[in-house]
Amino acid sequence: MEPFKTLQFELSDGVGQLTICRPQSLNSLNFQTLQELNNFAKHTPEDLQVLIIKGAGDRAFVAGGGI
């Protein structure tokens, strides 16, 4: 899996945390973020059992589409 620019992924004991890292735009989903999410879904690690998705920062999870 190639490195992400807008996502961060950590895996420990089958539990993964995927963080959307665009706090300056309230983690809005722009084209690059959507491509990276798609790439992650296509190349999910085999030992992943649970996935927690969160947004960076303390103001918003995801504000919606970054249009």
N, C-alpha and C. Protein backbone atom coordinates (compact mmCIF):
# COMPACT_ATOMS: atom_id res chain seq x y z
N MET A 1 0.84 -1.17 0.00
CA MET A 1 0.00 0.00 0.00
C MET A 1 0.89 1.24 0.00
N GLU A 2 0.65 2.14 -0.93
CA GLU A 2 1.47 3.35 -1.00
C GLU A 2 1.13 4.30 0.14
N PRO A 3 2.06 5.18 0.50
CA PRO A 3 1.80 6.11 1.61
C PRO A 3 0.66 7.07 1.28
N PHE A 4 -0.10 7.40 2.32
CA PHE A 4 -1.21 8.32 2.16
C PHE A 4 -0.79 9.75 2.49
N LYS A 5 -1.46 10.71 1.90
CA LYS A 5 -1.23 12.12 2.21
C LYS A 5 -2.33 12.68 3.09
N THR A 6 -3.54 12.11 3.00
CA THR A 6 -4.66 12.63 3.78
C THR A 6 -5.23 11.63 4.78
N LEU A 7 -4.65 10.46 4.86
CA LEU A 7 -5.07 9.43 5.80
C LEU A 7 -3.90 8.93 6.61
N GLN A 8 -4.21 8.44 7.80
CA GLN A 8 -3.20 7.78 8.63
C GLN A 8 -3.81 6.46 9.09
N PHE A 9 -3.05 5.38 8.98
CA PHE A 9 -3.55 4.05 9.37
C PHE A 9 -2.59 3.41 10.35
N GLU A 10 -3.17 2.87 11.43
CA GLU A 10 -2.41 2.12 12.42
C GLU A 10 -3.15 0.82 12.69
N LEU A 11 -2.39 -0.27 12.85
CA LEU A 11 -2.98 -1.59 13.09
C LEU A 11 -2.29 -2.23 14.28
N SER A 12 -3.10 -2.73 15.22
CA SER A 12 -2.56 -3.39 16.40
C SER A 12 -3.53 -4.50 16.83
N ASP A 13 -3.05 -5.73 16.86
CA ASP A 13 -3.85 -6.89 17.30
C ASP A 13 -5.18 -7.00 16.56
N GLY A 14 -5.17 -6.77 15.27
CA GLY A 14 -6.37 -6.92 14.46
C GLY A 14 -7.29 -5.71 14.44
N VAL A 15 -6.98 -4.70 15.26
CA VAL A 15 -7.80 -3.49 15.33
C VAL A 15 -7.08 -2.36 14.60
N GLY A 16 -7.73 -1.82 13.58
CA GLY A 16 -7.13 -0.73 12.81
C GLY A 16 -7.81 0.59 13.11
N GLN A 17 -7.01 1.65 13.10
CA GLN A 17 -7.55 3.00 13.22
C GLN A 17 -7.17 3.76 11.96
N LEU A 18 -8.19 4.22 11.25
CA LEU A 18 -7.99 5.00 10.04
C LEU A 18 -8.44 6.42 10.35
N THR A 19 -7.50 7.36 10.26
CA THR A 19 -7.79 8.76 10.59
C THR A 19 -7.75 9.60 9.32
N ILE A 20 -8.80 10.36 9.10
CA ILE A 20 -8.85 11.33 8.00
C ILE A 20 -8.15 12.58 8.51
N CYS A 21 -7.05 12.96 7.88
CA CYS A 21 -6.18 14.02 8.40
C CYS A 21 -6.28 15.30 7.57
N ARG A 22 -7.42 15.97 7.67
CA ARG A 22 -7.60 17.27 7.02
C ARG A 22 -8.33 18.20 7.98
N PRO A 23 -7.78 18.39 9.20
CA PRO A 23 -8.51 19.17 10.21
C PRO A 23 -8.73 20.63 9.81
N GLN A 24 -7.88 21.17 8.95
CA GLN A 24 -8.02 22.56 8.53
C GLN A 24 -9.31 22.79 7.74
N SER A 25 -9.85 21.71 7.13
CA SER A 25 -11.10 21.80 6.37
C SER A 25 -12.19 20.93 7.02
N LEU A 26 -12.06 20.72 8.34
CA LEU A 26 -12.99 19.87 9.09
C LEU A 26 -13.10 18.47 8.48
N ASN A 27 -11.98 17.99 7.95
CA ASN A 27 -11.85 16.65 7.38
C ASN A 27 -12.80 16.40 6.21
N SER A 28 -13.07 17.44 5.45
CA SER A 28 -13.94 17.28 4.29
C SER A 28 -13.30 16.34 3.29
N LEU A 29 -14.14 15.64 2.55
CA LEU A 29 -13.67 14.61 1.62
C LEU A 29 -13.45 15.21 0.24
N ASN A 30 -12.19 15.51 -0.07
CA ASN A 30 -11.86 16.00 -1.41
C ASN A 30 -11.53 14.80 -2.30
N PHE A 31 -11.20 15.08 -3.55
CA PHE A 31 -10.95 14.02 -4.51
C PHE A 31 -9.80 13.11 -4.06
N GLN A 32 -8.73 13.70 -3.56
CA GLN A 32 -7.57 12.90 -3.13
C GLN A 32 -7.94 11.99 -1.96
N THR A 33 -8.67 12.50 -1.00
CA THR A 33 -9.07 11.69 0.15
C THR A 33 -9.95 10.53 -0.29
N LEU A 34 -10.89 10.79 -1.20
CA LEU A 34 -11.75 9.72 -1.70
C LEU A 34 -10.95 8.66 -2.45
N GLN A 35 -9.95 9.08 -3.21
CA GLN A 35 -9.08 8.12 -3.91
C GLN A 35 -8.31 7.28 -2.90
N GLU A 36 -7.80 7.92 -1.86
CA GLU A 36 -7.04 7.18 -0.85
C GLU A 36 -7.93 6.21 -0.08
N LEU A 37 -9.16 6.61 0.23
CA LEU A 37 -10.10 5.70 0.88
C LEU A 37 -10.40 4.50 -0.01
N ASN A 38 -10.57 4.74 -1.29
CA ASN A 38 -10.81 3.66 -2.25
C ASN A 38 -9.61 2.73 -2.31
N ASN A 39 -8.42 3.29 -2.36
CA ASN A 39 -7.19 2.49 -2.40
C ASN A 39 -7.05 1.66 -1.12
N PHE A 40 -7.37 2.27 0.02
CA PHE A 40 -7.32 1.53 1.28
C PHE A 40 -8.29 0.35 1.25
N ALA A 41 -9.51 0.58 0.78
CA ALA A 41 -10.52 -0.48 0.73
C ALA A 41 -10.09 -1.63 -0.18
N LYS A 42 -9.40 -1.30 -1.26
CA LYS A 42 -8.94 -2.33 -2.19
C LYS A 42 -7.76 -3.13 -1.64
N HIS A 43 -7.01 -2.55 -0.72
CA HIS A 43 -5.80 -3.20 -0.21
C HIS A 43 -5.83 -3.33 1.32
N THR A 44 -6.98 -3.67 1.86
CA THR A 44 -7.13 -3.82 3.30
C THR A 44 -6.24 -4.96 3.80
N PRO A 45 -5.48 -4.74 4.87
CA PRO A 45 -4.63 -5.80 5.41
C PRO A 45 -5.45 -7.03 5.80
N GLU A 46 -4.91 -8.22 5.54
CA GLU A 46 -5.63 -9.46 5.82
C GLU A 46 -5.89 -9.67 7.31
N ASP A 47 -5.02 -9.16 8.17
CA ASP A 47 -5.18 -9.38 9.61
C ASP A 47 -6.06 -8.32 10.27
N LEU A 48 -6.68 -7.46 9.49
CA LEU A 48 -7.60 -6.45 10.02
C LEU A 48 -8.93 -7.11 10.35
N GLN A 49 -9.37 -6.97 11.61
CA GLN A 49 -10.64 -7.55 12.05
C GLN A 49 -11.67 -6.47 12.36
N VAL A 50 -11.22 -5.34 12.89
CA VAL A 50 -12.09 -4.23 13.27
C VAL A 50 -11.45 -2.96 12.75
N LEU A 51 -12.28 -2.06 12.21
CA LEU A 51 -11.76 -0.79 11.71
C LEU A 51 -12.50 0.36 12.37
N ILE A 52 -11.75 1.25 12.99
CA ILE A 52 -12.29 2.46 13.60
C ILE A 52 -11.90 3.61 12.67
N ILE A 53 -12.88 4.37 12.23
CA ILE A 53 -12.61 5.52 11.36
C ILE A 53 -12.89 6.78 12.15
N LYS A 54 -11.93 7.70 12.16
CA LYS A 54 -12.10 8.93 12.90
C LYS A 54 -11.52 10.10 12.11
N GLY A 55 -11.86 11.30 12.53
CA GLY A 55 -11.34 12.51 11.91
C GLY A 55 -10.32 13.16 12.82
N ALA A 56 -9.30 13.76 12.23
CA ALA A 56 -8.27 14.45 13.00
C ALA A 56 -8.83 15.75 13.58
N GLY A 57 -8.23 16.18 14.66
CA GLY A 57 -8.67 17.42 15.31
C GLY A 57 -9.83 17.16 16.24
N ASP A 58 -10.33 18.24 16.81
CA ASP A 58 -11.40 18.09 17.81
C ASP A 58 -12.69 18.83 17.43
N ARG A 59 -12.78 19.28 16.18
CA ARG A 59 -13.96 20.06 15.78
C ARG A 59 -14.98 19.28 14.96
N ALA A 60 -14.54 18.28 14.18
CA ALA A 60 -15.49 17.56 13.31
C ALA A 60 -14.94 16.20 12.93
N PHE A 61 -15.86 15.25 12.72
CA PHE A 61 -15.47 13.95 12.17
C PHE A 61 -15.21 14.14 10.68
N VAL A 62 -16.24 14.42 9.90
CA VAL A 62 -16.13 14.73 8.48
C VAL A 62 -17.23 15.73 8.16
N ALA A 63 -16.85 16.85 7.57
CA ALA A 63 -17.82 17.91 7.29
C ALA A 63 -18.62 17.63 6.02
N GLY A 64 -18.23 16.65 5.24
CA GLY A 64 -18.92 16.34 4.00
C GLY A 64 -17.96 16.42 2.82
N GLY A 65 -18.50 16.67 1.66
CA GLY A 65 -17.68 16.76 0.46
C GLY A 65 -16.96 18.09 0.36
N GLY A 66 -15.68 18.03 0.03
CA GLY A 66 -14.87 19.24 -0.12
C GLY A 66 -15.00 19.78 -1.55
N ILE A 67 -16.08 20.48 -1.80
CA ILE A 67 -16.33 20.97 -3.16
C ILE A 67 -15.93 22.43 -3.32
